[in-house]
All heavy atoms as atom14 arrays in JSON, in Angstrom:
{
  "sequence": "TGSSAVEWAVPGGKQPLTWHKALFNAPPGSDPVALDMGSMGKGQM",
  "atom14_mask": [
    [1, 1, 1, 1, 1, 1, 1, 0, 0, 0, 0, 0, 0, 0],
    [1, 1, 1, 1, 0, 0, 0, 0, 0, 0, 0, 0, 0, 0],
    [1, 1, 1, 1, 1, 1, 0, 0, 0, 0, 0, 0, 0, 0],
    [1, 1, 1, 1, 1, 1, 0, 0, 0, 0, 0, 0, 0, 0],
    [1, 1, 1, 1, 1, 0, 0, 0, 0, 0, 0, 0, 0, 0],
    [1, 1, 1, 1, 1, 1, 1, 0, 0, 0, 0, 0, 0, 0],
    [1, 1, 1, 1, 1, 1, 1, 1, 1, 0, 0, 0, 0, 0],
    [1, 1, 1, 1, 1, 1, 1, 1, 1, 1, 1, 1, 1, 1],
    [1, 1, 1, 1, 1, 0, 0, 0, 0, 0, 0, 0, 0, 0],
    [1, 1, 1, 1, 1, 1, 1, 0, 0, 0, 0, 0, 0, 0],
    [1, 1, 1, 1, 1, 1, 1, 0, 0, 0, 0, 0, 0, 0],
    [1, 1, 1, 1, 0, 0, 0, 0, 0, 0, 0, 0, 0, 0],
    [1, 1, 1, 1, 0, 0, 0, 0, 0, 0, 0, 0, 0, 0],
    [1, 1, 1, 1, 1, 1, 1, 1, 1, 0, 0, 0, 0, 0],
    [1, 1, 1, 1, 1, 1, 1, 1, 1, 0, 0, 0, 0, 0],
    [1, 1, 1, 1, 1, 1, 1, 0, 0, 0, 0, 0, 0, 0],
    [1, 1, 1, 1, 1, 1, 1, 1, 0, 0, 0, 0, 0, 0],
    [1, 1, 1, 1, 1, 1, 1, 0, 0, 0, 0, 0, 0, 0],
    [1, 1, 1, 1, 1, 1, 1, 1, 1, 1, 1, 1, 1, 1],
    [1, 1, 1, 1, 1, 1, 1, 1, 1, 1, 0, 0, 0, 0],
    [1, 1, 1, 1, 1, 1, 1, 1, 1, 0, 0, 0, 0, 0],
    [1, 1, 1, 1, 1, 0, 0, 0, 0, 0, 0, 0, 0, 0],
    [1, 1, 1, 1, 1, 1, 1, 1, 0, 0, 0, 0, 0, 0],
    [1, 1, 1, 1, 1, 1, 1, 1, 1, 1, 1, 0, 0, 0],
    [1, 1, 1, 1, 1, 1, 1, 1, 0, 0, 0, 0, 0, 0],
    [1, 1, 1, 1, 1, 0, 0, 0, 0, 0, 0, 0, 0, 0],
    [1, 1, 1, 1, 1, 1, 1, 0, 0, 0, 0, 0, 0, 0],
    [1, 1, 1, 1, 1, 1, 1, 0, 0, 0, 0, 0, 0, 0],
    [1, 1, 1, 1, 0, 0, 0, 0, 0, 0, 0, 0, 0, 0],
    [1, 1, 1, 1, 1, 1, 0, 0, 0, 0, 0, 0, 0, 0],
    [1, 1, 1, 1, 1, 1, 1, 1, 0, 0, 0, 0, 0, 0],
    [1, 1, 1, 1, 1, 1, 1, 0, 0, 0, 0, 0, 0, 0],
    [1, 1, 1, 1, 1, 1, 1, 0, 0, 0, 0, 0, 0, 0],
    [1, 1, 1, 1, 1, 0, 0, 0, 0, 0, 0, 0, 0, 0],
    [1, 1, 1, 1, 1, 1, 1, 1, 0, 0, 0, 0, 0, 0],
    [1, 1, 1, 1, 1, 1, 1, 1, 0, 0, 0, 0, 0, 0],
    [1, 1, 1, 1, 1, 1, 1, 1, 0, 0, 0, 0, 0, 0],
    [1, 1, 1, 1, 0, 0, 0, 0, 0, 0, 0, 0, 0, 0],
    [1, 1, 1, 1, 1, 1, 0, 0, 0, 0, 0, 0, 0, 0],
    [1, 1, 1, 1, 1, 1, 1, 1, 0, 0, 0, 0, 0, 0],
    [1, 1, 1, 1, 0, 0, 0, 0, 0, 0, 0, 0, 0, 0],
    [1, 1, 1, 1, 1, 1, 1, 1, 1, 0, 0, 0, 0, 0],
    [1, 1, 1, 1, 0, 0, 0, 0, 0, 0, 0, 0, 0, 0],
    [1, 1, 1, 1, 1, 1, 1, 1, 1, 0, 0, 0, 0, 0],
    [1, 1, 1, 1, 1, 1, 1, 1, 0, 0, 0, 0, 0, 0]
  ],
  "atom14_positions": [
    [[0.83, -1.21, 0.0], [0.0, 0.0, 0.0], [0.86, 1.26, 0.0], [0.64, 2.19, -0.78], [-0.93, 0.0, 1.22], [-1.74, -1.17, 1.19], [-1.82, 1.23, 1.22], [0.0, 0.0, 0.0], [0.0, 0.0, 0.0], [0.0, 0.0, 0.0], [0.0, 0.0, 0.0], [0.0, 0.0, 0.0], [0.0, 0.0, 0.0], [0.0, 0.0, 0.0]],
    [[1.85, 1.29, 0.89], [2.69, 2.48, 1.01], [3.52, 2.75, -0.21], [3.79, 3.91, -0.55], [0.0, 0.0, 0.0], [0.0, 0.0, 0.0], [0.0, 0.0, 0.0], [0.0, 0.0, 0.0], [0.0, 0.0, 0.0], [0.0, 0.0, 0.0], [0.0, 0.0, 0.0], [0.0, 0.0, 0.0], [0.0, 0.0, 0.0], [0.0, 0.0, 0.0]],
    [[3.93, 1.71, -0.9], [4.8, 1.89, -2.06], [4.1, 2.61, -3.2], [4.73, 3.15, -4.1], [5.34, 0.55, -2.55], [4.29, -0.27, -3.03], [0.0, 0.0, 0.0], [0.0, 0.0, 0.0], [0.0, 0.0, 0.0], [0.0, 0.0, 0.0], [0.0, 0.0, 0.0], [0.0, 0.0, 0.0], [0.0, 0.0, 0.0], [0.0, 0.0, 0.0]],
    [[2.77, 2.64, -3.15], [2.02, 3.32, -4.21], [1.88, 4.82, -3.94], [1.29, 5.54, -4.74], [0.64, 2.7, -4.35], [-0.12, 2.88, -3.15], [0.0, 0.0, 0.0], [0.0, 0.0, 0.0], [0.0, 0.0, 0.0], [0.0, 0.0, 0.0], [0.0, 0.0, 0.0], [0.0, 0.0, 0.0], [0.0, 0.0, 0.0], [0.0, 0.0, 0.0]],
    [[2.44, 5.3, -2.82], [2.27, 6.7, -2.44], [3.24, 7.63, -3.15], [3.11, 8.85, -3.04], [2.44, 6.84, -0.92], [0.0, 0.0, 0.0], [0.0, 0.0, 0.0], [0.0, 0.0, 0.0], [0.0, 0.0, 0.0], [0.0, 0.0, 0.0], [0.0, 0.0, 0.0], [0.0, 0.0, 0.0], [0.0, 0.0, 0.0], [0.0, 0.0, 0.0]],
    [[4.24, 7.09, -3.84], [5.24, 7.93, -4.49], [5.43, 7.47, -5.94], [5.01, 6.38, -6.32], [6.61, 7.89, -3.75], [6.45, 8.38, -2.33], [7.19, 6.48, -3.78], [0.0, 0.0, 0.0], [0.0, 0.0, 0.0], [0.0, 0.0, 0.0], [0.0, 0.0, 0.0], [0.0, 0.0, 0.0], [0.0, 0.0, 0.0], [0.0, 0.0, 0.0]],
    [[6.08, 8.32, -6.71], [6.42, 7.98, -8.09], [7.79, 7.31, -8.12], [8.78, 7.88, -7.68], [6.44, 9.25, -8.95], [5.08, 9.88, -9.15], [4.16, 9.03, -10.01], [4.67, 8.27, -10.86], [2.92, 9.11, -9.83], [0.0, 0.0, 0.0], [0.0, 0.0, 0.0], [0.0, 0.0, 0.0], [0.0, 0.0, 0.0], [0.0, 0.0, 0.0]],
    [[7.81, 6.08, -8.6], [9.06, 5.34, -8.72], [9.63, 5.56, -10.13], [8.9, 5.74, -11.09], [8.84, 3.86, -8.46], [8.37, 3.58, -7.06], [7.1, 3.72, -6.59], [9.15, 3.14, -5.96], [7.03, 3.39, -5.25], [8.29, 3.02, -4.84], [10.49, 2.82, -5.79], [8.73, 2.6, -3.58], [10.95, 2.39, -4.55], [10.08, 2.3, -3.46]],
    [[10.97, 5.5, -10.22], [11.63, 5.76, -11.5], [12.69, 4.7, -11.76], [13.0, 3.87, -10.91], [12.26, 7.15, -11.49], [0.0, 0.0, 0.0], [0.0, 0.0, 0.0], [0.0, 0.0, 0.0], [0.0, 0.0, 0.0], [0.0, 0.0, 0.0], [0.0, 0.0, 0.0], [0.0, 0.0, 0.0], [0.0, 0.0, 0.0], [0.0, 0.0, 0.0]],
    [[13.26, 4.75, -12.96], [14.36, 3.85, -13.3], [15.56, 4.21, -12.42], [15.84, 5.39, -12.2], [14.74, 4.0, -14.79], [15.96, 3.16, -15.12], [13.56, 3.63, -15.66], [0.0, 0.0, 0.0], [0.0, 0.0, 0.0], [0.0, 0.0, 0.0], [0.0, 0.0, 0.0], [0.0, 0.0, 0.0], [0.0, 0.0, 0.0], [0.0, 0.0, 0.0]],
    [[16.26, 3.21, -11.86], [17.41, 3.5, -10.99], [18.43, 4.4, -11.68], [18.71, 4.25, -12.87], [17.99, 2.12, -10.7], [16.85, 1.18, -10.89], [16.01, 1.76, -11.98], [0.0, 0.0, 0.0], [0.0, 0.0, 0.0], [0.0, 0.0, 0.0], [0.0, 0.0, 0.0], [0.0, 0.0, 0.0], [0.0, 0.0, 0.0], [0.0, 0.0, 0.0]],
    [[18.97, 5.35, -10.9], [19.89, 6.33, -11.48], [21.3, 6.22, -11.0], [21.96, 7.24, -10.81], [0.0, 0.0, 0.0], [0.0, 0.0, 0.0], [0.0, 0.0, 0.0], [0.0, 0.0, 0.0], [0.0, 0.0, 0.0], [0.0, 0.0, 0.0], [0.0, 0.0, 0.0], [0.0, 0.0, 0.0], [0.0, 0.0, 0.0], [0.0, 0.0, 0.0]],
    [[21.8, 5.03, -10.77], [23.18, 4.87, -10.33], [23.27, 4.7, -8.83], [22.27, 4.53, -8.13], [0.0, 0.0, 0.0], [0.0, 0.0, 0.0], [0.0, 0.0, 0.0], [0.0, 0.0, 0.0], [0.0, 0.0, 0.0], [0.0, 0.0, 0.0], [0.0, 0.0, 0.0], [0.0, 0.0, 0.0], [0.0, 0.0, 0.0], [0.0, 0.0, 0.0]],
    [[24.49, 4.8, -8.32], [24.75, 4.54, -6.9], [24.47, 5.79, -6.07], [25.38, 6.5, -5.64], [26.19, 4.08, -6.71], [26.52, 2.78, -7.43], [27.96, 2.36, -7.18], [28.28, 1.05, -7.89], [29.68, 0.62, -7.66], [0.0, 0.0, 0.0], [0.0, 0.0, 0.0], [0.0, 0.0, 0.0], [0.0, 0.0, 0.0], [0.0, 0.0, 0.0]],
    [[23.18, 6.04, -5.85], [22.77, 7.21, -5.09], [22.53, 6.85, -3.63], [21.96, 5.81, -3.32], [21.48, 7.78, -5.69], [21.61, 8.27, -7.12], [22.58, 9.43, -7.23], [22.58, 10.33, -6.39], [23.41, 9.41, -8.25], [0.0, 0.0, 0.0], [0.0, 0.0, 0.0], [0.0, 0.0, 0.0], [0.0, 0.0, 0.0], [0.0, 0.0, 0.0]],
    [[22.97, 7.74, -2.7], [22.69, 7.47, -1.29], [21.23, 7.73, -0.96], [20.52, 8.43, -1.7], [23.61, 8.46, -0.57], [23.76, 9.6, -1.53], [23.75, 8.97, -2.89], [0.0, 0.0, 0.0], [0.0, 0.0, 0.0], [0.0, 0.0, 0.0], [0.0, 0.0, 0.0], [0.0, 0.0, 0.0], [0.0, 0.0, 0.0], [0.0, 0.0, 0.0]],
    [[20.78, 7.15, 0.14], [19.42, 7.34, 0.65], [18.37, 7.16, -0.44], [17.61, 8.07, -0.77], [19.29, 8.72, 1.29], [19.99, 8.87, 2.65], [19.74, 10.24, 3.23], [19.56, 7.8, 3.62], [0.0, 0.0, 0.0], [0.0, 0.0, 0.0], [0.0, 0.0, 0.0], [0.0, 0.0, 0.0], [0.0, 0.0, 0.0], [0.0, 0.0, 0.0]],
    [[18.35, 5.96, -0.99], [17.41, 5.64, -2.07], [16.68, 4.35, -1.75], [17.27, 3.38, -1.27], [18.16, 5.5, -3.4], [18.88, 6.71, -3.66], [17.19, 5.25, -4.54], [0.0, 0.0, 0.0], [0.0, 0.0, 0.0], [0.0, 0.0, 0.0], [0.0, 0.0, 0.0], [0.0, 0.0, 0.0], [0.0, 0.0, 0.0], [0.0, 0.0, 0.0]],
    [[15.37, 4.36, -2.01], [14.54, 3.17, -1.87], [14.45, 2.47, -3.22], [14.36, 3.12, -4.27], [13.14, 3.56, -1.41], [13.09, 4.17, -0.04], [13.4, 5.46, 0.28], [12.71, 3.53, 1.17], [13.24, 5.67, 1.63], [12.81, 4.49, 2.21], [12.29, 2.24, 1.49], [12.5, 4.21, 3.53], [11.98, 1.95, 2.81], [12.09, 2.92, 3.82]],
    [[14.47, 1.15, -3.19], [14.37, 0.36, -4.41], [13.31, -0.73, -4.18], [13.24, -1.32, -3.1], [15.7, -0.31, -4.77], [16.86, 0.64, -4.81], [17.06, 1.54, -5.84], [17.87, 0.84, -3.93], [18.16, 2.23, -5.62], [18.67, 1.84, -4.46], [0.0, 0.0, 0.0], [0.0, 0.0, 0.0], [0.0, 0.0, 0.0], [0.0, 0.0, 0.0]],
    [[12.52, -1.0, -5.21], [11.53, -2.07, -5.09], [11.51, -2.92, -6.35], [11.89, -2.46, -7.44], [10.14, -1.5, -4.82], [9.47, -0.85, -6.02], [8.0, -0.54, -5.74], [7.28, -0.01, -6.98], [5.84, 0.21, -6.76], [0.0, 0.0, 0.0], [0.0, 0.0, 0.0], [0.0, 0.0, 0.0], [0.0, 0.0, 0.0], [0.0, 0.0, 0.0]],
    [[11.07, -4.17, -6.18], [10.94, -5.08, -7.32], [9.93, -6.15, -6.96], [9.69, -6.44, -5.78], [12.29, -5.71, -7.67], [0.0, 0.0, 0.0], [0.0, 0.0, 0.0], [0.0, 0.0, 0.0], [0.0, 0.0, 0.0], [0.0, 0.0, 0.0], [0.0, 0.0, 0.0], [0.0, 0.0, 0.0], [0.0, 0.0, 0.0], [0.0, 0.0, 0.0]],
    [[9.34, -6.74, -7.99], [8.43, -7.87, -7.82], [9.13, -9.14, -8.3], [9.93, -9.11, -9.24], [7.15, -7.65, -8.61], [6.26, -6.48, -8.15], [5.09, -6.31, -9.11], [5.76, -6.7, -6.74], [0.0, 0.0, 0.0], [0.0, 0.0, 0.0], [0.0, 0.0, 0.0], [0.0, 0.0, 0.0], [0.0, 0.0, 0.0], [0.0, 0.0, 0.0]],
    [[8.81, -10.27, -7.68], [9.43, -11.53, -8.09], [8.53, -12.7, -7.73], [7.64, -12.59, -6.87], [10.8, -11.7, -7.42], [10.75, -11.9, -5.92], [10.81, -13.18, -5.37], [10.67, -10.82, -5.05], [10.78, -13.38, -3.99], [10.64, -11.0, -3.68], [10.69, -12.28, -3.15], [0.0, 0.0, 0.0], [0.0, 0.0, 0.0], [0.0, 0.0, 0.0]],
    [[8.77, -13.81, -8.38], [8.07, -15.06, -8.09], [8.94, -15.93, -7.19], [10.17, -15.93, -7.29], [7.75, -15.81, -9.37], [6.76, -15.06, -10.24], [5.96, -14.26, -9.75], [6.82, -15.3, -11.54], [0.0, 0.0, 0.0], [0.0, 0.0, 0.0], [0.0, 0.0, 0.0], [0.0, 0.0, 0.0], [0.0, 0.0, 0.0], [0.0, 0.0, 0.0]],
    [[8.31, -16.68, -6.32], [9.05, -17.56, -5.43], [9.72, -18.68, -6.22], [9.12, -19.24, -7.14], [8.12, -18.16, -4.38], [0.0, 0.0, 0.0], [0.0, 0.0, 0.0], [0.0, 0.0, 0.0], [0.0, 0.0, 0.0], [0.0, 0.0, 0.0], [0.0, 0.0, 0.0], [0.0, 0.0, 0.0], [0.0, 0.0, 0.0], [0.0, 0.0, 0.0]],
    [[10.96, -19.01, -5.88], [11.61, -20.13, -6.57], [10.92, -21.44, -6.21], [10.41, -21.6, -5.1], [13.04, -20.09, -6.03], [12.96, -19.36, -4.74], [11.84, -18.38, -4.87], [0.0, 0.0, 0.0], [0.0, 0.0, 0.0], [0.0, 0.0, 0.0], [0.0, 0.0, 0.0], [0.0, 0.0, 0.0], [0.0, 0.0, 0.0], [0.0, 0.0, 0.0]],
    [[10.86, -22.37, -7.15], [10.19, -23.65, -6.87], [10.95, -24.45, -5.81], [12.12, -24.21, -5.54], [10.21, -24.36, -8.22], [11.37, -23.75, -8.96], [11.43, -22.32, -8.51], [0.0, 0.0, 0.0], [0.0, 0.0, 0.0], [0.0, 0.0, 0.0], [0.0, 0.0, 0.0], [0.0, 0.0, 0.0], [0.0, 0.0, 0.0], [0.0, 0.0, 0.0]],
    [[10.26, -25.41, -5.22], [10.89, -26.27, -4.23], [10.73, -25.74, -2.82], [9.97, -24.79, -2.56], [0.0, 0.0, 0.0], [0.0, 0.0, 0.0], [0.0, 0.0, 0.0], [0.0, 0.0, 0.0], [0.0, 0.0, 0.0], [0.0, 0.0, 0.0], [0.0, 0.0, 0.0], [0.0, 0.0, 0.0], [0.0, 0.0, 0.0], [0.0, 0.0, 0.0]],
    [[11.43, -26.37, -1.9], [11.32, -26.01, -0.49], [12.65, -25.58, 0.13], [12.73, -25.36, 1.34], [10.76, -27.2, 0.3], [11.61, -28.34, 0.15], [0.0, 0.0, 0.0], [0.0, 0.0, 0.0], [0.0, 0.0, 0.0], [0.0, 0.0, 0.0], [0.0, 0.0, 0.0], [0.0, 0.0, 0.0], [0.0, 0.0, 0.0], [0.0, 0.0, 0.0]],
    [[13.7, -25.47, -0.69], [15.0, -25.06, -0.16], [14.9, -23.66, 0.45], [14.17, -22.8, -0.07], [16.06, -25.06, -1.26], [16.43, -26.45, -1.72], [16.25, -27.4, -0.93], [16.89, -26.6, -2.87], [0.0, 0.0, 0.0], [0.0, 0.0, 0.0], [0.0, 0.0, 0.0], [0.0, 0.0, 0.0], [0.0, 0.0, 0.0], [0.0, 0.0, 0.0]],
    [[15.63, -23.39, 1.52], [15.63, -22.05, 2.12], [16.07, -21.0, 1.1], [16.82, -21.29, 0.17], [16.64, -22.17, 3.26], [16.67, -23.63, 3.59], [16.46, -24.34, 2.29], [0.0, 0.0, 0.0], [0.0, 0.0, 0.0], [0.0, 0.0, 0.0], [0.0, 0.0, 0.0], [0.0, 0.0, 0.0], [0.0, 0.0, 0.0], [0.0, 0.0, 0.0]],
    [[15.59, -19.77, 1.31], [15.8, -18.68, 0.36], [16.58, -17.56, 1.05], [16.41, -17.3, 2.24], [14.45, -18.15, -0.16], [14.65, -16.96, -1.1], [13.68, -19.26, -0.87], [0.0, 0.0, 0.0], [0.0, 0.0, 0.0], [0.0, 0.0, 0.0], [0.0, 0.0, 0.0], [0.0, 0.0, 0.0], [0.0, 0.0, 0.0], [0.0, 0.0, 0.0]],
    [[17.43, -16.89, 0.25], [18.24, -15.79, 0.79], [18.4, -14.71, -0.27], [18.31, -14.97, -1.48], [19.6, -16.29, 1.24], [0.0, 0.0, 0.0], [0.0, 0.0, 0.0], [0.0, 0.0, 0.0], [0.0, 0.0, 0.0], [0.0, 0.0, 0.0], [0.0, 0.0, 0.0], [0.0, 0.0, 0.0], [0.0, 0.0, 0.0], [0.0, 0.0, 0.0]],
    [[18.64, -13.48, 0.2], [19.01, -12.37, -0.67], [20.51, -12.19, -0.65], [21.13, -12.15, 0.43], [18.33, -11.09, -0.2], [16.86, -10.91, -0.56], [16.26, -9.75, 0.22], [16.69, -10.68, -2.06], [0.0, 0.0, 0.0], [0.0, 0.0, 0.0], [0.0, 0.0, 0.0], [0.0, 0.0, 0.0], [0.0, 0.0, 0.0], [0.0, 0.0, 0.0]],
    [[21.11, -12.1, -1.81], [22.53, -11.79, -1.94], [22.66, -10.27, -2.0], [22.31, -9.64, -3.01], [23.1, -12.43, -3.2], [24.58, -12.11, -3.41], [25.17, -11.38, -2.59], [25.15, -12.59, -4.41], [0.0, 0.0, 0.0], [0.0, 0.0, 0.0], [0.0, 0.0, 0.0], [0.0, 0.0, 0.0], [0.0, 0.0, 0.0], [0.0, 0.0, 0.0]],
    [[23.18, -9.66, -0.94], [23.28, -8.2, -0.86], [24.74, -7.74, -0.9], [25.04, -6.6, -0.55], [22.63, -7.72, 0.44], [21.17, -8.1, 0.59], [20.1, -7.41, -0.7], [20.2, -5.68, -0.32], [0.0, 0.0, 0.0], [0.0, 0.0, 0.0], [0.0, 0.0, 0.0], [0.0, 0.0, 0.0], [0.0, 0.0, 0.0], [0.0, 0.0, 0.0]],
    [[25.62, -8.59, -1.36], [27.04, -8.3, -1.33], [27.47, -7.12, -2.17], [28.53, -6.53, -1.91], [0.0, 0.0, 0.0], [0.0, 0.0, 0.0], [0.0, 0.0, 0.0], [0.0, 0.0, 0.0], [0.0, 0.0, 0.0], [0.0, 0.0, 0.0], [0.0, 0.0, 0.0], [0.0, 0.0, 0.0], [0.0, 0.0, 0.0], [0.0, 0.0, 0.0]],
    [[26.68, -6.75, -3.16], [27.06, -5.64, -4.03], [26.53, -4.29, -3.52], [26.85, -3.25, -4.09], [26.52, -5.87, -5.45], [25.1, -5.85, -5.45], [0.0, 0.0, 0.0], [0.0, 0.0, 0.0], [0.0, 0.0, 0.0], [0.0, 0.0, 0.0], [0.0, 0.0, 0.0], [0.0, 0.0, 0.0], [0.0, 0.0, 0.0], [0.0, 0.0, 0.0]],
    [[25.73, -4.33, -2.46], [25.13, -3.11, -1.95], [25.99, -2.49, -0.84], [27.06, -3.03, -0.48], [23.72, -3.39, -1.45], [22.78, -3.88, -2.55], [22.52, -2.65, -3.86], [21.36, -1.55, -3.04], [0.0, 0.0, 0.0], [0.0, 0.0, 0.0], [0.0, 0.0, 0.0], [0.0, 0.0, 0.0], [0.0, 0.0, 0.0], [0.0, 0.0, 0.0]],
    [[25.55, -1.38, -0.3], [26.3, -0.7, 0.75], [25.79, -1.04, 2.13], [26.2, -2.02, 2.74], [0.0, 0.0, 0.0], [0.0, 0.0, 0.0], [0.0, 0.0, 0.0], [0.0, 0.0, 0.0], [0.0, 0.0, 0.0], [0.0, 0.0, 0.0], [0.0, 0.0, 0.0], [0.0, 0.0, 0.0], [0.0, 0.0, 0.0], [0.0, 0.0, 0.0]],
    [[24.88, -0.24, 2.63], [24.31, -0.45, 3.96], [22.85, -0.04, 3.92], [22.48, 0.94, 3.26], [25.05, 0.39, 5.0], [24.46, 0.36, 6.41], [25.23, 1.28, 7.33], [24.68, 1.28, 8.75], [23.31, 1.81, 8.84], [0.0, 0.0, 0.0], [0.0, 0.0, 0.0], [0.0, 0.0, 0.0], [0.0, 0.0, 0.0], [0.0, 0.0, 0.0]],
    [[21.99, -0.79, 4.62], [20.59, -0.43, 4.63], [19.72, -1.48, 5.29], [20.18, -2.23, 6.16], [0.0, 0.0, 0.0], [0.0, 0.0, 0.0], [0.0, 0.0, 0.0], [0.0, 0.0, 0.0], [0.0, 0.0, 0.0], [0.0, 0.0, 0.0], [0.0, 0.0, 0.0], [0.0, 0.0, 0.0], [0.0, 0.0, 0.0], [0.0, 0.0, 0.0]],
    [[18.47, -1.56, 4.84], [17.5, -2.5, 5.39], [16.69, -3.11, 4.26], [16.6, -2.54, 3.17], [16.58, -1.8, 6.39], [17.31, -1.17, 7.57], [16.39, -0.48, 8.55], [15.36, -1.04, 8.94], [16.74, 0.73, 8.96], [0.0, 0.0, 0.0], [0.0, 0.0, 0.0], [0.0, 0.0, 0.0], [0.0, 0.0, 0.0], [0.0, 0.0, 0.0]],
    [[16.06, -4.29, 4.55], [15.33, -5.04, 3.53], [13.97, -5.48, 4.06], [13.86, -5.82, 5.25], [16.1, -6.31, 3.15], [17.55, -6.13, 2.79], [18.46, -7.68, 3.09], [18.42, -7.77, 4.88], [0.0, 0.0, 0.0], [0.0, 0.0, 0.0], [0.0, 0.0, 0.0], [0.0, 0.0, 0.0], [0.0, 0.0, 0.0], [0.0, 0.0, 0.0]]
  ]
}
């Protein structure tokens, strides 16, 4: 609901203090799932 409150745009490079969103489908199977955040800086998910 909250994500619809602002206008989202195409990412503009390595900008500080930026929110990013994406949609995805769950991978098949029952194996545990993780996000690889090694290329990012610091933040929350």
